[in-house]
């Protein structure tokens, strides 16, 4: 199972992936950059076809469209 975690509730935009064979993360720091970069970070880690589940933080945050 491949799980993607997305954190956008603070000044850090972070996307991580965890599966049976790998764990990886991409992070950017900056205010109000999340909507510009979160999908690019996700694409650097995996393809949509590989994702089985998505975990997101409760917020608040600048990229509220994912909640």
N, C-alpha and C. Protein backbone atom coordinates (compact mmCIF):
# COMPACT_ATOMS: atom_id res chain seq x y z
N UNK A 1 0.84 -1.17 0.00
CA UNK A 1 0.00 0.00 0.00
C UNK A 1 0.90 1.25 0.00
N UNK A 2 0.56 2.20 -0.84
CA UNK A 2 1.30 3.46 -0.92
C UNK A 2 0.44 4.59 -0.37
N UNK A 3 0.96 5.26 0.65
CA UNK A 3 0.25 6.36 1.30
C UNK A 3 1.01 7.65 1.06
N UNK A 4 0.29 8.68 0.64
CA UNK A 4 0.86 10.01 0.46
C UNK A 4 0.38 10.89 1.59
N UNK A 5 1.30 11.60 2.22
CA UNK A 5 0.95 12.54 3.28
C UNK A 5 1.22 13.96 2.80
N UNK A 6 0.28 14.86 3.06
CA UNK A 6 0.42 16.26 2.63
C UNK A 6 0.22 17.16 3.85
N UNK A 7 1.19 18.04 4.09
CA UNK A 7 1.14 18.97 5.21
C UNK A 7 1.27 20.39 4.68
N UNK A 8 0.24 21.20 4.91
CA UNK A 8 0.27 22.58 4.42
C UNK A 8 -0.26 23.55 5.47
N UNK A 9 -0.26 23.17 6.74
CA UNK A 9 -0.91 24.00 7.74
C UNK A 9 -0.02 25.10 8.31
N UNK A 10 1.24 25.12 7.98
CA UNK A 10 2.14 26.14 8.50
C UNK A 10 2.96 26.72 7.35
N UNK A 11 4.11 27.29 7.65
CA UNK A 11 4.97 27.88 6.63
C UNK A 11 5.77 26.86 5.85
N UNK A 12 5.49 25.59 6.07
CA UNK A 12 6.19 24.52 5.37
C UNK A 12 5.20 23.77 4.49
N UNK A 13 5.57 23.56 3.25
CA UNK A 13 4.79 22.75 2.33
C UNK A 13 5.52 21.42 2.21
N UNK A 14 4.91 20.36 2.66
CA UNK A 14 5.58 19.07 2.72
C UNK A 14 4.71 17.97 2.14
N UNK A 15 5.32 17.12 1.32
CA UNK A 15 4.65 15.96 0.74
C UNK A 15 5.55 14.76 0.99
N UNK A 16 4.97 13.70 1.51
CA UNK A 16 5.74 12.49 1.78
C UNK A 16 5.03 11.28 1.23
N UNK A 17 5.81 10.23 0.99
CA UNK A 17 5.25 8.98 0.50
C UNK A 17 5.81 7.84 1.34
N UNK A 18 4.95 6.89 1.65
CA UNK A 18 5.37 5.73 2.42
C UNK A 18 4.74 4.49 1.82
N UNK A 19 5.57 3.49 1.61
CA UNK A 19 5.08 2.20 1.11
C UNK A 19 5.89 1.10 1.76
N UNK A 20 5.65 -0.13 1.36
CA UNK A 20 6.40 -1.25 1.90
C UNK A 20 7.87 -1.16 1.54
N UNK A 21 8.21 -0.50 0.45
CA UNK A 21 9.58 -0.50 -0.04
C UNK A 21 10.31 0.83 0.05
N UNK A 22 9.59 1.93 0.35
CA UNK A 22 10.27 3.22 0.40
C UNK A 22 9.53 4.24 1.23
N UNK A 23 10.30 5.19 1.73
CA UNK A 23 9.78 6.35 2.44
C UNK A 23 10.59 7.55 1.97
N UNK A 24 9.89 8.57 1.50
CA UNK A 24 10.55 9.75 0.95
C UNK A 24 9.73 10.99 1.25
N UNK A 25 10.39 12.15 1.25
CA UNK A 25 9.70 13.41 1.54
C UNK A 25 10.31 14.55 0.73
N UNK A 26 9.47 15.50 0.37
CA UNK A 26 9.90 16.75 -0.27
C UNK A 26 9.29 17.90 0.53
N UNK A 27 10.09 18.93 0.82
CA UNK A 27 9.64 20.04 1.64
C UNK A 27 10.14 21.36 1.09
N UNK A 28 9.28 22.36 1.13
CA UNK A 28 9.64 23.74 0.78
C UNK A 28 9.18 24.64 1.92
N UNK A 29 9.96 25.66 2.21
CA UNK A 29 9.58 26.64 3.23
C UNK A 29 9.21 27.95 2.56
N UNK A 30 8.15 28.56 3.03
CA UNK A 30 7.72 29.85 2.51
C UNK A 30 6.25 30.07 2.74
N UNK A 31 5.89 31.29 2.99
CA UNK A 31 4.50 31.62 3.23
C UNK A 31 3.70 31.64 1.94
N UNK A 32 2.52 31.05 1.98
CA UNK A 32 1.57 31.07 0.86
C UNK A 32 2.13 30.55 -0.46
N UNK A 33 2.93 29.50 -0.39
CA UNK A 33 3.49 28.89 -1.60
C UNK A 33 2.84 27.54 -1.89
N UNK A 34 2.01 27.07 -0.99
CA UNK A 34 1.52 25.70 -1.06
C UNK A 34 0.77 25.39 -2.35
N UNK A 35 -0.14 26.24 -2.73
CA UNK A 35 -0.94 25.95 -3.93
C UNK A 35 -0.09 25.97 -5.19
N UNK A 36 1.03 26.65 -5.15
CA UNK A 36 1.92 26.70 -6.31
C UNK A 36 2.81 25.47 -6.42
N UNK A 37 3.10 24.80 -5.29
CA UNK A 37 4.14 23.77 -5.29
C UNK A 37 3.73 22.38 -4.83
N UNK A 38 2.61 22.23 -4.14
CA UNK A 38 2.29 20.93 -3.55
C UNK A 38 2.12 19.84 -4.62
N UNK A 39 1.50 20.16 -5.71
CA UNK A 39 1.30 19.14 -6.76
C UNK A 39 2.61 18.79 -7.47
N UNK A 40 3.50 19.77 -7.63
CA UNK A 40 4.81 19.50 -8.22
C UNK A 40 5.62 18.59 -7.31
N UNK A 41 5.59 18.84 -6.01
CA UNK A 41 6.29 17.98 -5.07
C UNK A 41 5.75 16.56 -5.13
N UNK A 42 4.45 16.42 -5.23
CA UNK A 42 3.83 15.11 -5.33
C UNK A 42 4.29 14.38 -6.59
N UNK A 43 4.33 15.08 -7.71
CA UNK A 43 4.77 14.47 -8.97
C UNK A 43 6.23 14.04 -8.92
N UNK A 44 7.05 14.72 -8.13
CA UNK A 44 8.45 14.32 -7.97
C UNK A 44 8.58 12.98 -7.26
N UNK A 45 7.59 12.65 -6.43
CA UNK A 45 7.67 11.44 -5.63
C UNK A 45 7.00 10.23 -6.26
N UNK A 46 5.90 10.42 -6.95
CA UNK A 46 5.12 9.27 -7.42
C UNK A 46 4.14 9.66 -8.51
N UNK A 47 3.52 8.70 -9.10
CA UNK A 47 2.44 8.95 -10.06
C UNK A 47 1.11 8.67 -9.38
N UNK A 48 0.07 9.24 -9.90
CA UNK A 48 -1.27 9.08 -9.32
C UNK A 48 -1.67 7.61 -9.28
N UNK A 49 -1.28 6.85 -10.25
CA UNK A 49 -1.65 5.44 -10.33
C UNK A 49 -1.10 4.62 -9.16
N UNK A 50 -0.01 5.07 -8.55
CA UNK A 50 0.61 4.33 -7.44
C UNK A 50 -0.04 4.60 -6.09
N UNK A 51 -0.85 5.65 -5.97
CA UNK A 51 -1.38 6.08 -4.68
C UNK A 51 -2.60 5.25 -4.27
N UNK A 52 -2.52 4.70 -3.05
CA UNK A 52 -3.65 3.95 -2.50
C UNK A 52 -4.45 4.77 -1.49
N UNK A 53 -3.77 5.69 -0.79
CA UNK A 53 -4.44 6.50 0.24
C UNK A 53 -3.73 7.85 0.37
N UNK A 54 -4.48 8.85 0.83
CA UNK A 54 -3.93 10.19 1.03
C UNK A 54 -4.26 10.62 2.45
N UNK A 55 -3.25 11.15 3.15
CA UNK A 55 -3.42 11.68 4.50
C UNK A 55 -3.11 13.17 4.46
N UNK A 56 -3.98 13.98 5.06
CA UNK A 56 -3.76 15.43 5.09
C UNK A 56 -3.93 15.93 6.52
N UNK A 57 -3.33 17.09 6.80
CA UNK A 57 -3.47 17.69 8.12
C UNK A 57 -4.82 18.38 8.23
N UNK A 58 -5.22 18.68 9.43
CA UNK A 58 -6.51 19.32 9.67
C UNK A 58 -6.51 20.81 9.33
N UNK A 59 -5.35 21.44 9.31
CA UNK A 59 -5.27 22.86 8.98
C UNK A 59 -5.19 23.69 10.24
N UNK A 60 -5.30 24.96 10.15
CA UNK A 60 -5.57 25.75 8.94
C UNK A 60 -4.34 25.77 8.04
N UNK A 61 -4.49 26.32 6.87
CA UNK A 61 -3.38 26.41 5.96
C UNK A 61 -3.76 27.15 4.70
N UNK A 62 -2.75 27.46 3.88
CA UNK A 62 -3.02 28.25 2.68
C UNK A 62 -3.53 27.40 1.52
N UNK A 63 -3.39 26.09 1.59
CA UNK A 63 -3.85 25.24 0.50
C UNK A 63 -5.04 24.42 0.98
N UNK A 64 -6.14 25.10 1.24
CA UNK A 64 -7.30 24.45 1.84
C UNK A 64 -8.09 23.61 0.84
N UNK A 65 -7.80 23.69 -0.43
CA UNK A 65 -8.53 22.94 -1.44
C UNK A 65 -8.37 21.44 -1.32
N UNK A 66 -7.34 20.96 -0.60
CA UNK A 66 -7.15 19.52 -0.48
C UNK A 66 -7.98 18.93 0.64
N UNK A 67 -8.54 19.75 1.50
CA UNK A 67 -9.30 19.21 2.63
C UNK A 67 -10.77 19.11 2.29
